[in-house]
Amino acid sequence: MPRQVEYEARRRHIADAVCRLAEERGLEGVTLRDVARRAEVSMGAVQRCFRTREQMLAFTLAHVGEQAMARARNRLTSSPAQSARSALGHTAHQVALVEEEQRAQARVWLAFVAQAVVSPGLAELLRTAYGQAQELFAGLLAEADCAGEPAREARRLLALTDGLTTQVLVGHLDLEQAREVLEDHLRGLWQDA
């Protein structure tokens, strides 16, 4: 395997270890030493990939965002015969992270959101990830001929899906209630169309 490919694979492996730790206990206690132990690599291997904890966290957040967007895009391309409305619904459900199998990723995402409040670098990465999701929603809304202005409706939908993630994780809503809220909102996008 070429050295650059090996290096990137190691960085992703370390990022996956950060995610497992963040899922278990948040990001506050994640140290380079803990990550090395969890990734089953030496401390030196972690330090060769990331000079600082902040670099490691930034890479991990970008990695998590890429995985989420890839999952949403894969869902779209795996069913090319679906309508634009159903594609939007499937994508919104993927972004909301409310399904049981997405629970771990939702905990990791929220750990990063909390950390971004005090980390300008992570905040910038989150803004980029939210921007990508919003653009994806806006494109799907335009294609589906929603009743409102696609960019505005995309902002609303992104805020809703993000809020549902939090409310399910803290137990304010159960999965069925979250699905109902999302489905009601999606149906409302075409009531006036």
C-alpha atoms as a PDB file:
ATOM      1  CA  MET A   1       0.000   0.000   0.000  1.00  0.00           C
ATOM      2  CA  PRO A   2       1.428   3.431  -0.885  1.00  0.00           C
ATOM      3  CA  ARG A   3       2.646   5.413   2.114  1.00  0.00           C
ATOM      4  CA  GLN A   4       0.083   8.256   1.678  1.00  0.00           C
ATOM      5  CA  VAL A   5      -2.825   5.788   1.499  1.00  0.00           C
ATOM      6  CA  GLU A   6      -1.509   4.022   4.597  1.00  0.00           C
ATOM      7  CA  TYR A   7      -1.178   7.344   6.433  1.00  0.00           C
ATOM      8  CA  GLU A   8      -4.770   8.372   5.587  1.00  0.00           C
ATOM      9  CA  ALA A   9      -6.069   4.929   6.593  1.00  0.00           C
ATOM     10  CA  ARG A  10      -4.303   5.276   9.955  1.00  0.00           C
ATOM     11  CA  ARG A  11      -5.788   8.757  10.460  1.00  0.00           C
ATOM     12  CA  ARG A  12      -9.283   7.384   9.782  1.00  0.00           C
ATOM     13  CA  HIS A  13      -8.627   4.459  12.146  1.00  0.00           C
ATOM     14  CA  ILE A  14      -7.614   6.904  14.879  1.00  0.00           C
ATOM     15  CA  ALA A  15     -10.689   9.058  14.127  1.00  0.00           C
ATOM     16  CA  ASP A  16     -12.877   5.986  14.590  1.00  0.00           C
ATOM     17  CA  ALA A  17     -11.271   5.451  18.007  1.00  0.00           C
ATOM     18  CA  VAL A  18     -12.025   9.088  18.905  1.00  0.00           C
ATOM     19  CA  CYS A  19     -15.655   8.480  17.918  1.00  0.00           C
ATOM     20  CA  ARG A  20     -15.939   5.399  20.116  1.00  0.00           C
ATOM     21  CA  LEU A  21     -14.538   7.325  23.074  1.00  0.00           C
ATOM     22  CA  ALA A  22     -16.747  10.349  22.391  1.00  0.00           C
ATOM     23  CA  GLU A  23     -19.798   8.109  22.214  1.00  0.00           C
ATOM     24  CA  GLU A  24     -18.988   6.623  25.611  1.00  0.00           C
ATOM     25  CA  ARG A  25     -18.007   9.748  27.535  1.00  0.00           C
ATOM     26  CA  GLY A  26     -18.077  12.874  25.401  1.00  0.00           C
ATOM     27  CA  LEU A  27     -15.023  14.762  24.193  1.00  0.00           C
ATOM     28  CA  GLU A  28     -13.955  16.389  27.459  1.00  0.00           C
ATOM     29  CA  GLY A  29     -11.911  13.422  28.603  1.00  0.00           C
ATOM     30  CA  VAL A  30     -10.554  12.293  25.236  1.00  0.00           C
ATOM     31  CA  THR A  31      -6.771  12.472  25.344  1.00  0.00           C
ATOM     32  CA  LEU A  32      -4.155  11.428  22.805  1.00  0.00           C
ATOM     33  CA  ARG A  33      -3.133   8.639  25.185  1.00  0.00           C
ATOM     34  CA  ASP A  34      -6.719   7.322  25.485  1.00  0.00           C
ATOM     35  CA  VAL A  35      -7.102   7.394  21.731  1.00  0.00           C
ATOM     36  CA  ALA A  36      -3.836   5.522  21.198  1.00  0.00           C
ATOM     37  CA  ARG A  37      -4.971   2.852  23.634  1.00  0.00           C
ATOM     38  CA  ARG A  38      -8.414   2.551  22.010  1.00  0.00           C
ATOM     39  CA  ALA A  39      -6.967   2.489  18.477  1.00  0.00           C
ATOM     40  CA  GLU A  40      -4.364  -0.047  19.611  1.00  0.00           C
ATOM     41  CA  VAL A  41      -1.515   2.012  18.231  1.00  0.00           C
ATOM     42  CA  SER A  42       1.425   3.674  19.922  1.00  0.00           C
ATOM     43  CA  MET A  43       1.274   7.180  21.265  1.00  0.00           C
ATOM     44  CA  GLY A  44       3.954   8.052  18.707  1.00  0.00           C
ATOM     45  CA  ALA A  45       1.712   6.816  15.879  1.00  0.00           C
ATOM     46  CA  VAL A  46      -1.059   9.142  17.027  1.00  0.00           C
ATOM     47  CA  GLN A  47       1.371  12.055  17.325  1.00  0.00           C
ATOM     48  CA  ARG A  48       2.770  11.405  13.839  1.00  0.00           C
ATOM     49  CA  CYS A  49      -0.764  11.704  12.458  1.00  0.00           C
ATOM     50  CA  PHE A  50      -1.869  14.627  14.645  1.00  0.00           C
ATOM     51  CA  ARG A  51       0.445  17.096  16.340  1.00  0.00           C
ATOM     52  CA  THR A  52      -2.267  18.283  18.719  1.00  0.00           C
ATOM     53  CA  ARG A  53      -5.549  17.130  20.215  1.00  0.00           C
ATOM     54  CA  GLU A  54      -7.285  19.941  18.327  1.00  0.00           C
ATOM     55  CA  GLN A  55      -5.972  18.662  14.986  1.00  0.00           C
ATOM     56  CA  MET A  56      -7.165  15.167  15.878  1.00  0.00           C
ATOM     57  CA  LEU A  57     -10.622  16.436  16.819  1.00  0.00           C
ATOM     58  CA  ALA A  58     -10.889  18.577  13.677  1.00  0.00           C
ATOM     59  CA  PHE A  59      -9.982  15.628  11.469  1.00  0.00           C
ATOM     60  CA  THR A  60     -12.446  13.400  13.319  1.00  0.00           C
ATOM     61  CA  LEU A  61     -15.282  15.898  12.938  1.00  0.00           C
ATOM     62  CA  ALA A  62     -14.590  16.202   9.214  1.00  0.00           C
ATOM     63  CA  HIS A  63     -14.520  12.382   9.026  1.00  0.00           C
ATOM     64  CA  VAL A  64     -17.906  12.117  10.795  1.00  0.00           C
ATOM     65  CA  GLY A  65     -19.413  14.782   8.532  1.00  0.00           C
ATOM     66  CA  GLU A  66     -18.120  13.033   5.413  1.00  0.00           C
ATOM     67  CA  GLN A  67     -19.622   9.740   6.576  1.00  0.00           C
ATOM     68  CA  ALA A  68     -23.019  11.342   7.217  1.00  0.00           C
ATOM     69  CA  MET A  69     -23.116  13.086   3.850  1.00  0.00           C
ATOM     70  CA  ALA A  70     -21.923   9.938   2.069  1.00  0.00           C
ATOM     71  CA  ARG A  71     -24.703   7.949   3.760  1.00  0.00           C
ATOM     72  CA  ALA A  72     -27.311  10.502   2.647  1.00  0.00           C
ATOM     73  CA  ARG A  73     -25.957  10.579  -0.916  1.00  0.00           C
ATOM     74  CA  ASN A  74     -25.736   6.773  -1.064  1.00  0.00           C
ATOM     75  CA  ARG A  75     -29.369   6.587  -0.026  1.00  0.00           C
ATOM     76  CA  LEU A  76     -30.238   8.879  -2.928  1.00  0.00           C
ATOM     77  CA  THR A  77     -28.227   6.991  -5.532  1.00  0.00           C
ATOM     78  CA  SER A  78     -29.248   3.523  -4.333  1.00  0.00           C
ATOM     79  CA  SER A  79     -32.880   4.228  -5.276  1.00  0.00           C
ATOM     80  CA  PRO A  80     -32.667   6.379  -8.418  1.00  0.00           C
ATOM     81  CA  ALA A  81     -36.286   5.667  -9.405  1.00  0.00           C
ATOM     82  CA  GLN A  82     -37.741   7.363  -6.326  1.00  0.00           C
ATOM     83  CA  SER A  83     -39.586  10.667  -6.536  1.00  0.00           C
ATOM     84  CA  ALA A  84     -37.903  13.897  -5.459  1.00  0.00           C
ATOM     85  CA  ARG A  85     -40.290  14.061  -2.489  1.00  0.00           C
ATOM     86  CA  SER A  86     -39.429  10.584  -1.239  1.00  0.00           C
ATOM     87  CA  ALA A  87     -35.728  11.303  -1.802  1.00  0.00           C
ATOM     88  CA  LEU A  88     -36.074  14.387   0.380  1.00  0.00           C
ATOM     89  CA  GLY A  89     -37.839  12.356   3.071  1.00  0.00           C
ATOM     90  CA  HIS A  90     -35.182   9.648   3.094  1.00  0.00           C
ATOM     91  CA  THR A  91     -32.411  12.234   3.239  1.00  0.00           C
ATOM     92  CA  ALA A  92     -34.085  14.147   6.064  1.00  0.00           C
ATOM     93  CA  HIS A  93     -34.388  10.923   8.073  1.00  0.00           C
ATOM     94  CA  GLN A  94     -30.679  10.228   7.501  1.00  0.00           C
ATOM     95  CA  VAL A  95     -29.649  13.724   8.589  1.00  0.00           C
ATOM     96  CA  ALA A  96     -31.913  13.681  11.664  1.00  0.00           C
ATOM     97  CA  LEU A  97     -29.981  10.757  13.203  1.00  0.00           C
ATOM     98  CA  VAL A  98     -33.067   9.585  15.078  1.00  0.00           C
ATOM     99  CA  GLU A  99     -33.115   5.934  14.065  1.00  0.00           C
ATOM    100  CA  GLU A 100     -31.897   3.375  16.586  1.00  0.00           C
ATOM    101  CA  GLU A 101     -28.923   2.332  14.428  1.00  0.00           C
ATOM    102  CA  GLN A 102     -27.810   5.984  14.260  1.00  0.00           C
ATOM    103  CA  ARG A 103     -27.788   6.521  18.023  1.00  0.00           C
ATOM    104  CA  ALA A 104     -23.999   6.176  18.396  1.00  0.00           C
ATOM    105  CA  GLN A 105     -23.319   8.636  15.591  1.00  0.00           C
ATOM    106  CA  ALA A 106     -25.837  11.064  17.068  1.00  0.00           C
ATOM    107  CA  ARG A 107     -24.040  11.002  20.439  1.00  0.00           C
ATOM    108  CA  VAL A 108     -20.719  11.664  18.715  1.00  0.00           C
ATOM    109  CA  TRP A 109     -22.200  14.489  16.617  1.00  0.00           C
ATOM    110  CA  LEU A 110     -23.645  16.206  19.688  1.00  0.00           C
ATOM    111  CA  ALA A 111     -20.367  15.835  21.566  1.00  0.00           C
ATOM    112  CA  PHE A 112     -18.708  17.744  18.738  1.00  0.00           C
ATOM    113  CA  VAL A 113     -21.458  20.378  18.690  1.00  0.00           C
ATOM    114  CA  ALA A 114     -20.921  20.972  22.407  1.00  0.00           C
ATOM    115  CA  GLN A 115     -17.142  21.221  21.952  1.00  0.00           C
ATOM    116  CA  ALA A 116     -17.536  23.588  18.973  1.00  0.00           C
ATOM    117  CA  VAL A 117     -19.102  26.183  21.258  1.00  0.00           C
ATOM    118  CA  VAL A 118     -15.635  26.779  22.742  1.00  0.00           C
ATOM    119  CA  SER A 119     -13.512  25.797  19.730  1.00  0.00           C
ATOM    120  CA  PRO A 120     -13.549  28.188  16.755  1.00  0.00           C
ATOM    121  CA  GLY A 121     -11.879  25.606  14.511  1.00  0.00           C
ATOM    122  CA  LEU A 122     -14.529  22.984  15.211  1.00  0.00           C
ATOM    123  CA  ALA A 123     -17.263  25.601  14.872  1.00  0.00           C
ATOM    124  CA  GLU A 124     -16.007  26.432  11.370  1.00  0.00           C
ATOM    125  CA  LEU A 125     -16.053  22.747  10.402  1.00  0.00           C
ATOM    126  CA  LEU A 126     -19.603  22.415  11.734  1.00  0.00           C
ATOM    127  CA  ARG A 127     -20.726  25.445   9.749  1.00  0.00           C
ATOM    128  CA  THR A 128     -19.306  23.791   6.634  1.00  0.00           C
ATOM    129  CA  ALA A 129     -21.077  20.503   7.370  1.00  0.00           C
ATOM    130  CA  TYR A 130     -24.369  22.270   8.044  1.00  0.00           C
ATOM    131  CA  GLY A 131     -23.909  24.255   4.832  1.00  0.00           C
ATOM    132  CA  GLN A 132     -23.457  21.062   2.814  1.00  0.00           C
ATOM    133  CA  ALA A 133     -26.561  19.495   4.329  1.00  0.00           C
ATOM    134  CA  GLN A 134     -28.543  22.682   3.684  1.00  0.00           C
ATOM    135  CA  GLU A 135     -27.419  22.746   0.036  1.00  0.00           C
ATOM    136  CA  LEU A 136     -28.438  19.115  -0.378  1.00  0.00           C
ATOM    137  CA  PHE A 137     -31.869  19.861   1.107  1.00  0.00           C
ATOM    138  CA  ALA A 138     -32.289  22.987  -1.042  1.00  0.00           C
ATOM    139  CA  GLY A 139     -31.512  21.040  -4.205  1.00  0.00           C
ATOM    140  CA  LEU A 140     -33.979  18.310  -3.313  1.00  0.00           C
ATOM    141  CA  LEU A 141     -36.654  20.849  -2.368  1.00  0.00           C
ATOM    142  CA  ALA A 142     -36.231  22.682  -5.671  1.00  0.00           C
ATOM    143  CA  GLU A 143     -36.429  19.411  -7.585  1.00  0.00           C
ATOM    144  CA  ALA A 144     -39.563  18.421  -5.668  1.00  0.00           C
ATOM    145  CA  ASP A 145     -41.313  21.771  -6.307  1.00  0.00           C
ATOM    146  CA  CYS A 146     -41.979  22.591  -2.664  1.00  0.00           C
ATOM    147  CA  ALA A 147     -44.481  25.319  -1.828  1.00  0.00           C
ATOM    148  CA  GLY A 148     -41.913  27.689  -0.328  1.00  0.00           C
ATOM    149  CA  GLU A 149     -38.568  29.117  -1.378  1.00  0.00           C
ATOM    150  CA  PRO A 150     -36.112  26.157  -1.394  1.00  0.00           C
ATOM    151  CA  ALA A 151     -33.211  27.865   0.428  1.00  0.00           C
ATOM    152  CA  ARG A 152     -35.486  29.081   3.227  1.00  0.00           C
ATOM    153  CA  GLU A 153     -37.248  25.733   3.558  1.00  0.00           C
ATOM    154  CA  ALA A 154     -33.862  23.981   3.583  1.00  0.00           C
ATOM    155  CA  ARG A 155     -32.777  26.097   6.578  1.00  0.00           C
ATOM    156  CA  ARG A 156     -35.992  25.215   8.397  1.00  0.00           C
ATOM    157  CA  LEU A 157     -35.662  21.518   7.606  1.00  0.00           C
ATOM    158  CA  LEU A 158     -32.030  21.444   8.735  1.00  0.00           C
ATOM    159  CA  ALA A 159     -32.932  23.139  12.015  1.00  0.00           C
ATOM    160  CA  LEU A 160     -35.757  20.662  12.540  1.00  0.00           C
ATOM    161  CA  THR A 161     -33.651  17.576  11.832  1.00  0.00           C
ATOM    162  CA  ASP A 162     -30.850  18.841  14.068  1.00  0.00           C
ATOM    163  CA  GLY A 163     -33.299  19.563  16.883  1.00  0.00           C
ATOM    164  CA  LEU A 164     -34.906  16.144  16.564  1.00  0.00           C
ATOM    165  CA  THR A 165     -31.506  14.513  17.004  1.00  0.00           C
ATOM    166  CA  THR A 166     -31.065  16.277  20.341  1.00  0.00           C
ATOM    167  CA  GLN A 167     -34.604  15.694  21.553  1.00  0.00           C
ATOM    168  CA  VAL A 168     -34.470  11.954  20.858  1.00  0.00           C
ATOM    169  CA  LEU A 169     -31.073  11.578  22.521  1.00  0.00           C
ATOM    170  CA  VAL A 170     -32.137  13.298  25.724  1.00  0.00           C
ATOM    171  CA  GLY A 171     -35.432  11.400  25.780  1.00  0.00           C
ATOM    172  CA  HIS A 172     -37.812  14.307  25.227  1.00  0.00           C
ATOM    173  CA  LEU A 173     -39.214  12.556  22.137  1.00  0.00           C
ATOM    174  CA  ASP A 174     -39.211   8.866  21.347  1.00  0.00           C
ATOM    175  CA  LEU A 175     -38.404   7.570  17.862  1.00  0.00           C
ATOM    176  CA  GLU A 176     -42.030   7.390  16.797  1.00  0.00           C
ATOM    177  CA  GLN A 177     -42.767  10.938  17.926  1.00  0.00           C
ATOM    178  CA  ALA A 178     -39.674  12.231  16.109  1.00  0.00           C
ATOM    179  CA  ARG A 179     -40.683  10.438  12.918  1.00  0.00           C
ATOM    180  CA  GLU A 180     -44.183  11.897  13.221  1.00  0.00           C
ATOM    181  CA  VAL A 181     -42.856  15.454  13.635  1.00  0.00           C
ATOM    182  CA  LEU A 182     -40.578  15.059  10.625  1.00  0.00           C
ATOM    183  CA  GLU A 183     -43.275  13.483   8.442  1.00  0.00           C
ATOM    184  CA  ASP A 184     -45.776  16.202   9.389  1.00  0.00           C
ATOM    185  CA  HIS A 185     -43.266  18.870   8.406  1.00  0.00           C
ATOM    186  CA  LEU A 186     -42.454  17.180   5.101  1.00  0.00           C
ATOM    187  CA  ARG A 187     -46.148  16.839   4.224  1.00  0.00           C
ATOM    188  CA  GLY A 188     -46.602  20.528   4.993  1.00  0.00           C
ATOM    189  CA  LEU A 189     -44.017  21.459   2.390  1.00  0.00           C
ATOM    190  CA  TRP A 190     -46.481  20.528  -0.375  1.00  0.00           C
ATOM    191  CA  GLN A 191     -49.841  21.499   1.090  1.00  0.00           C
ATOM    192  CA  ASP A 192     -49.906  24.766  -0.823  1.00  0.00           C
ATOM    193  CA  ALA A 193     -48.088  23.535  -3.927  1.00  0.00           C
END
